[in-house]
Amino acid sequence: MKFIVKIDEQVFEVEINDLAARPIVALVDGQCFEVWPEEQGSLATVEMQPVEKPAPPPAALAVSAAPPLRAAPTGGVNTVKAVLAPIPGVILSVAVCPGATVKVGQELCVLEAMKMKNAIRATQAGTIANIYVSEGDHVKHGQVLVDFAD
């Protein structure tokens, strides 16, 4: 399905192939994002990789960010295991600490962007090596938030 989404006078083309898949894969203006829906009471919440907010497929969806694994923009960080900020925003909370063992999909921190809370989730199981942010930090797109131990 293709959607045209307008957010703050910006227009985005969003393509979603399979809404039943987990994670949902959305293509926004040629950039690929993972969406992690989860039920929360009677409303569904969608966890999302760097996205400029796609059109919600069912009416009652909110959009949250889920982390991509990409090359870190700063030197000295294990780029394969780094979790980066999918969008610019403010860190509201950090749910893990160094040495914590996490599962795929477990919440690492919450990032607020465009007045929306975005749960940043682990895309792999492992042990947290370092946390580079704390509550109240302003982060840029692609900034390293957390990395995993080898």
Protein backbone atom coordinates (compact mmCIF):
# COMPACT_ATOMS: atom_id res chain seq x y z
CA MET A 1 0.00 0.00 0.00
CA LYS A 2 1.22 3.50 -0.78
CA PHE A 3 0.36 6.58 1.27
CA ILE A 4 1.09 10.25 0.82
CA VAL A 5 1.65 11.77 4.27
CA LYS A 6 1.81 15.49 5.01
CA ILE A 7 3.51 16.54 8.28
CA ASP A 8 4.17 20.19 9.06
CA GLU A 9 3.99 21.19 5.39
CA GLN A 10 6.35 18.37 4.35
CA VAL A 11 5.01 15.62 2.09
CA PHE A 12 6.31 12.04 2.30
CA GLU A 13 5.58 8.98 0.18
CA VAL A 14 5.17 5.92 2.40
CA GLU A 15 4.93 2.34 1.13
CA ILE A 16 3.97 -0.56 3.41
CA ASN A 17 3.84 -4.09 1.99
CA ASP A 18 2.52 -6.34 4.76
CA LEU A 19 0.76 -4.94 7.84
CA ALA A 20 0.65 -8.42 9.42
CA ALA A 21 4.47 -8.84 9.31
CA ARG A 22 6.57 -8.23 12.44
CA PRO A 23 8.39 -5.98 12.10
CA ILE A 24 6.39 -4.09 9.49
CA VAL A 25 8.73 -2.73 6.83
CA ALA A 26 7.88 0.78 5.61
CA LEU A 27 9.62 2.61 2.78
CA VAL A 28 9.53 6.39 3.36
CA ASP A 29 10.81 8.48 0.46
CA GLY A 30 13.16 5.63 -0.48
CA GLN A 31 14.47 4.98 3.06
CA CYS A 32 13.59 1.68 4.75
CA PHE A 33 12.16 1.60 8.31
CA GLU A 34 11.10 -1.18 10.67
CA VAL A 35 7.82 -0.82 12.56
CA TRP A 36 7.23 -2.80 15.76
CA PRO A 37 3.51 -2.73 16.66
CA GLU A 38 2.45 -3.70 20.14
CA GLU A 39 -0.94 -3.77 21.81
CA GLN A 40 -1.45 -1.28 24.60
CA GLY A 41 -4.93 -1.43 26.12
CA SER A 42 -7.48 -0.97 23.36
CA LEU A 43 -5.12 1.08 21.16
CA ALA A 44 -2.17 -0.20 19.15
CA THR A 45 1.22 1.49 19.36
CA VAL A 46 3.71 1.31 16.53
CA GLU A 47 7.45 1.28 17.16
CA MET A 48 9.41 2.72 14.28
CA GLN A 49 12.94 3.16 12.95
CA PRO A 50 13.92 6.59 11.64
CA VAL A 51 10.75 7.82 10.16
CA GLU A 52 9.12 11.13 9.52
CA LYS A 53 5.82 9.60 10.70
CA PRO A 54 4.04 7.40 8.11
CA ALA A 55 0.31 7.39 7.66
CA PRO A 56 -1.15 5.10 10.31
CA PRO A 57 -2.66 2.11 8.51
CA PRO A 58 -5.46 1.40 11.02
CA ALA A 59 -7.01 4.57 12.47
CA ALA A 60 -5.80 4.36 16.08
CA LEU A 61 -2.03 3.95 15.67
CA ALA A 62 0.64 6.13 17.24
CA VAL A 63 4.18 6.12 15.87
CA SER A 64 7.29 5.36 17.91
CA ALA A 65 10.84 4.90 16.82
CA ALA A 66 12.79 1.66 16.89
CA PRO A 67 16.53 1.66 16.45
CA PRO A 68 18.47 0.87 13.31
CA LEU A 69 21.88 -0.76 13.35
CA ARG A 70 24.14 1.33 11.14
CA ALA A 71 27.68 2.59 11.02
CA ALA A 72 28.18 4.99 13.91
CA PRO A 73 28.96 8.56 12.89
CA THR A 74 31.61 8.88 15.61
CA GLY A 75 34.90 7.01 15.83
CA GLY A 76 35.79 4.53 18.54
CA VAL A 77 32.38 2.88 18.81
CA ASN A 78 31.75 -0.68 17.63
CA THR A 79 29.67 0.32 14.59
CA VAL A 80 28.07 -3.10 14.03
CA LYS A 81 26.66 -3.20 17.56
CA ALA A 82 25.70 0.49 17.96
CA VAL A 83 22.09 1.58 18.36
CA LEU A 84 21.61 5.00 16.78
CA ALA A 85 19.00 7.69 17.23
CA PRO A 86 16.48 7.13 14.44
CA ILE A 87 15.30 10.75 14.58
CA PRO A 88 16.41 13.91 16.38
CA GLY A 89 14.76 14.53 19.73
CA VAL A 90 15.07 14.51 23.51
CA ILE A 91 15.75 11.42 25.65
CA LEU A 92 12.88 11.07 28.14
CA SER A 93 14.12 7.95 29.92
CA VAL A 94 16.77 5.24 29.77
CA ALA A 95 15.51 1.73 30.63
CA VAL A 96 18.82 -0.17 30.71
CA CYS A 97 22.26 0.18 32.26
CA PRO A 98 25.71 -1.03 31.21
CA GLY A 99 26.01 -4.78 31.76
CA ALA A 100 22.27 -5.40 31.35
CA THR A 101 21.25 -8.37 29.21
CA VAL A 102 18.50 -7.50 26.73
CA LYS A 103 16.25 -9.40 24.33
CA VAL A 104 15.29 -8.43 20.80
CA GLY A 105 12.55 -5.83 20.98
CA GLN A 106 13.25 -4.85 24.60
CA GLU A 107 12.98 -1.10 25.29
CA LEU A 108 16.35 0.61 25.69
CA CYS A 109 15.21 4.22 26.04
CA VAL A 110 12.41 6.61 25.10
CA LEU A 111 13.05 9.48 22.72
CA GLU A 112 10.55 12.31 22.27
CA ALA A 113 10.33 13.82 18.81
CA MET A 114 7.57 15.98 17.35
CA LYS A 115 5.63 15.63 20.63
CA MET A 116 5.57 11.86 20.28
CA LYS A 117 7.22 9.32 22.57
CA ASN A 118 9.34 6.86 20.61
CA ALA A 119 10.50 3.66 22.30
CA ILE A 120 13.98 2.78 21.08
CA ARG A 121 14.19 -1.02 21.16
CA ALA A 122 16.97 -3.57 20.87
CA THR A 123 17.27 -5.10 17.41
CA GLN A 124 19.45 -7.89 18.76
CA ALA A 125 19.86 -9.84 21.97
CA GLY A 126 22.99 -9.20 23.98
CA THR A 127 24.68 -7.32 26.78
CA ILE A 128 24.74 -3.53 26.90
CA ALA A 129 28.33 -2.27 26.90
CA ASN A 130 27.85 1.51 27.04
CA ILE A 131 25.06 4.03 27.25
CA TYR A 132 25.92 7.38 25.69
CA VAL A 133 22.79 9.33 26.65
CA SER A 134 20.85 10.21 29.76
CA GLU A 135 17.46 11.68 30.55
CA GLY A 136 17.07 15.19 29.10
CA ASP A 137 19.80 14.85 26.45
CA HIS A 138 19.09 16.31 23.01
CA VAL A 139 20.18 13.87 20.30
CA LYS A 140 20.72 14.18 16.57
CA HIS A 141 19.65 11.72 13.89
CA GLY A 142 22.26 8.95 13.74
CA GLN A 143 23.81 9.75 17.13
CA VAL A 144 25.01 6.67 19.04
CA LEU A 145 22.67 5.97 21.98
CA VAL A 146 23.79 2.54 23.18
CA ASP A 147 26.20 -0.14 22.07
CA PHE A 148 26.46 -3.84 22.75
CA ALA A 149 29.40 -5.77 24.18
CA ASP A 150 31.27 -8.07 21.79
